[in-house]
Amino acid sequence: MKNSLQKIKPYIWIIIFGLFAVLSYILQFSAGKVIFSNFRISLVEMLTFVPFIFIIVGLFDVWVPREKIEKHIGDKSGIKGIVIMVLLAMLQAGPLYAAFPVTYILYKKGANIRNIFIFLGAYTSVKIPMLGLEIGYLGIRFTLMRSLVSLPLFIAIGFLMERYLKNRDFRVNDLGKVK
């Protein structure tokens, strides 16, 4: 009995969500139906988007040598590395979960942890497709002000995280867990 409980423990939230979704349909609970519908839409989006991300990341891993990454966005890249990461983030499209495989492969190939955090921050706030929508809805003045405030904050966070995580080694074991 205890052994079978240990096997389902990692999946308990999925089981609870599934039970909630089924009960929502049986009891005609409209909020539960909306939650499940939104989940279904997000799941389909993810399942159609993520395989392409992994293909591109895999090709990047094979085609781009580690020396190039270390030279341009590694420990000694300085301001050039920051500019490259911001520009790279601006040219991206897609949801934030698409950035994590990219940042993993960049880190694995020798990118500085500061530049990784700057990339993630810029990815969330200054992507060109997002800026275009924001200008359309909120105006160019608001978009420029928000970008001029948020980008330096993300760069500062990158420097703080580099200092905080300076002597840490983030090796991953065979199970995908950080040691």
Protein backbone atom coordinates (compact mmCIF):
# COMPACT_ATOMS: atom_id res chain seq x y z
CA MET A 1 0.00 0.00 0.00
CA LYS A 2 2.71 2.44 1.02
CA ASN A 3 4.75 1.60 -2.08
CA SER A 4 1.82 2.37 -4.41
CA LEU A 5 1.22 5.71 -2.65
CA GLN A 6 4.86 6.63 -3.24
CA LYS A 7 4.40 5.92 -6.96
CA ILE A 8 1.43 8.28 -7.35
CA LYS A 9 2.75 11.02 -5.05
CA PRO A 10 4.40 13.04 -7.89
CA TYR A 11 1.11 12.97 -9.82
CA ILE A 12 -1.27 13.91 -7.00
CA TRP A 13 -1.97 17.43 -8.35
CA ILE A 14 -2.74 16.06 -11.80
CA ILE A 15 -5.12 13.54 -10.27
CA ILE A 16 -6.83 16.22 -8.17
CA PHE A 17 -7.16 18.49 -11.23
CA GLY A 18 -8.65 15.63 -13.27
CA LEU A 19 -11.17 14.83 -10.52
CA PHE A 20 -12.09 18.51 -10.24
CA ALA A 21 -12.63 18.73 -14.01
CA VAL A 22 -14.84 15.61 -14.08
CA LEU A 23 -16.85 16.80 -11.06
CA SER A 24 -17.29 20.22 -12.68
CA TYR A 25 -18.92 18.63 -15.69
CA ILE A 26 -21.09 16.31 -13.60
CA LEU A 27 -22.24 19.10 -11.25
CA GLN A 28 -22.48 21.72 -14.05
CA PHE A 29 -20.01 24.00 -12.21
CA SER A 30 -19.26 26.71 -14.78
CA ALA A 31 -15.99 27.97 -13.24
CA GLY A 32 -14.56 24.46 -13.35
CA LYS A 33 -15.58 24.11 -16.99
CA VAL A 34 -13.84 27.38 -17.86
CA ILE A 35 -10.68 26.32 -16.00
CA PHE A 36 -10.58 22.99 -17.81
CA SER A 37 -11.26 24.65 -21.17
CA ASN A 38 -8.40 27.12 -20.64
CA PHE A 39 -6.14 24.25 -19.57
CA ARG A 40 -7.00 22.29 -22.70
CA ILE A 41 -6.25 25.29 -24.96
CA SER A 42 -2.90 25.91 -23.21
CA LEU A 43 -1.98 22.23 -23.38
CA VAL A 44 -2.67 22.05 -27.11
CA GLU A 45 -0.64 25.23 -27.66
CA MET A 46 2.26 23.81 -25.68
CA LEU A 47 2.18 20.45 -27.42
CA THR A 48 2.30 22.10 -30.83
CA PHE A 49 4.95 24.68 -29.89
CA VAL A 50 7.43 22.81 -27.69
CA PRO A 51 8.65 20.16 -30.20
CA PHE A 52 9.81 22.90 -32.58
CA ILE A 53 11.65 24.64 -29.76
CA PHE A 54 13.52 21.45 -28.90
CA ILE A 55 14.40 20.84 -32.56
CA ILE A 56 15.83 24.37 -32.87
CA VAL A 57 17.68 24.10 -29.56
CA GLY A 58 19.08 20.72 -30.60
CA LEU A 59 20.33 22.14 -33.90
CA PHE A 60 21.84 25.10 -32.06
CA ASP A 61 23.59 22.70 -29.68
CA VAL A 62 25.14 20.79 -32.57
CA TRP A 63 25.94 23.64 -34.95
CA VAL A 64 27.25 26.39 -32.64
CA PRO A 65 30.60 25.64 -31.00
CA ARG A 66 31.11 26.31 -27.29
CA GLU A 67 34.04 28.65 -28.02
CA LYS A 68 31.78 31.07 -29.91
CA ILE A 69 29.33 31.25 -27.00
CA GLU A 70 32.10 31.73 -24.44
CA LYS A 71 33.71 34.44 -26.55
CA HIS A 72 30.57 36.48 -27.18
CA ILE A 73 28.41 35.95 -24.08
CA GLY A 74 30.74 34.20 -21.63
CA ASP A 75 32.42 35.46 -18.47
CA LYS A 76 34.61 38.01 -20.26
CA SER A 77 32.00 39.35 -22.68
CA GLY A 78 31.24 42.56 -20.76
CA ILE A 79 28.86 45.10 -22.31
CA LYS A 80 29.04 43.35 -25.68
CA GLY A 81 27.52 40.24 -24.10
CA ILE A 82 24.72 42.26 -22.52
CA VAL A 83 23.87 43.92 -25.84
CA ILE A 84 23.91 40.56 -27.65
CA MET A 85 21.58 39.00 -25.07
CA VAL A 86 19.12 41.91 -25.20
CA LEU A 87 19.09 41.82 -29.01
CA LEU A 88 18.68 38.04 -29.01
CA ALA A 89 15.77 38.33 -26.59
CA MET A 90 14.15 41.09 -28.65
CA LEU A 91 14.14 38.89 -31.76
CA GLN A 92 12.44 35.96 -30.04
CA ALA A 93 8.77 35.14 -30.16
CA GLY A 94 6.60 32.90 -28.08
CA PRO A 95 5.76 32.32 -24.45
CA LEU A 96 8.30 32.41 -21.62
CA TYR A 97 8.49 28.63 -21.32
CA ALA A 98 10.11 28.67 -24.78
CA ALA A 99 13.07 30.61 -23.37
CA PHE A 100 14.06 28.01 -20.78
CA PRO A 101 15.47 25.38 -23.17
CA VAL A 102 17.37 28.17 -24.95
CA THR A 103 18.86 29.46 -21.70
CA TYR A 104 19.78 25.93 -20.63
CA ILE A 105 21.73 25.28 -23.82
CA LEU A 106 23.39 28.72 -23.64
CA TYR A 107 24.46 28.06 -20.04
CA LYS A 108 25.67 24.57 -20.97
CA LYS A 109 27.80 26.07 -23.75
CA GLY A 110 29.44 28.64 -21.48
CA ALA A 111 27.20 31.72 -21.31
CA ASN A 112 27.64 33.83 -18.20
CA ILE A 113 24.88 33.47 -15.58
CA ARG A 114 24.48 37.27 -15.65
CA ASN A 115 23.72 37.15 -19.35
CA ILE A 116 21.26 34.29 -18.85
CA PHE A 117 19.24 36.37 -16.37
CA ILE A 118 19.43 39.43 -18.62
CA PHE A 119 18.15 37.33 -21.51
CA LEU A 120 15.22 36.03 -19.47
CA GLY A 121 14.32 39.52 -18.26
CA ALA A 122 14.56 41.04 -21.72
CA TYR A 123 12.62 38.09 -23.15
CA THR A 124 9.72 38.90 -20.85
CA SER A 125 9.64 42.61 -21.55
CA VAL A 126 11.17 43.78 -24.83
CA LYS A 127 10.33 41.21 -27.51
CA ILE A 128 9.60 43.04 -30.77
CA PRO A 129 6.23 41.33 -31.36
CA MET A 130 5.15 42.27 -27.85
CA LEU A 131 6.39 45.86 -28.21
CA GLY A 132 4.33 46.27 -31.37
CA LEU A 133 1.16 45.17 -29.59
CA GLU A 134 1.95 47.33 -26.59
CA ILE A 135 2.49 50.42 -28.76
CA GLY A 136 -0.83 49.74 -30.47
CA TYR A 137 -2.76 49.45 -27.22
CA LEU A 138 -0.92 51.77 -24.84
CA GLY A 139 1.02 54.13 -27.08
CA ILE A 140 4.67 54.63 -27.90
CA ARG A 141 5.35 56.94 -24.97
CA PHE A 142 4.22 54.37 -22.40
CA THR A 143 6.12 51.57 -24.16
CA LEU A 144 9.36 53.56 -24.26
CA MET A 145 9.07 54.55 -20.61
CA ARG A 146 8.31 51.00 -19.50
CA SER A 147 11.19 49.62 -21.58
CA LEU A 148 13.61 52.28 -20.32
CA VAL A 149 12.69 51.41 -16.74
CA SER A 150 12.48 47.63 -16.99
CA LEU A 151 15.57 46.90 -19.08
CA PRO A 152 18.07 48.52 -16.64
CA LEU A 153 16.31 46.69 -13.80
CA PHE A 154 16.78 43.36 -15.54
CA ILE A 155 20.42 44.16 -16.21
CA ALA A 156 20.89 45.03 -12.52
CA ILE A 157 19.17 41.78 -11.54
CA GLY A 158 21.57 39.94 -13.86
CA PHE A 159 24.55 41.45 -12.05
CA LEU A 160 23.04 40.71 -8.63
CA MET A 161 22.30 37.10 -9.55
CA GLU A 162 25.80 36.68 -10.94
CA ARG A 163 27.22 37.87 -7.64
CA TYR A 164 24.82 35.76 -5.58
CA LEU A 165 25.38 32.57 -7.63
CA LYS A 166 29.10 33.16 -8.22
CA ASN A 167 30.57 30.02 -6.66
CA ARG A 168 27.69 27.63 -7.31
CA ASP A 169 27.95 24.70 -9.66
CA PHE A 170 24.68 23.74 -11.32
CA ARG A 171 25.41 20.25 -12.54
CA VAL A 172 22.46 18.11 -13.50
CA ASN A 173 22.32 14.41 -12.69
CA ASP A 174 20.82 11.69 -14.91
CA LEU A 175 17.32 12.26 -13.54
CA GLY A 176 17.30 15.93 -14.43
CA LYS A 177 17.63 17.08 -10.82
CA VAL A 178 20.15 19.75 -9.85
CA LYS A 179 22.85 18.44 -7.52
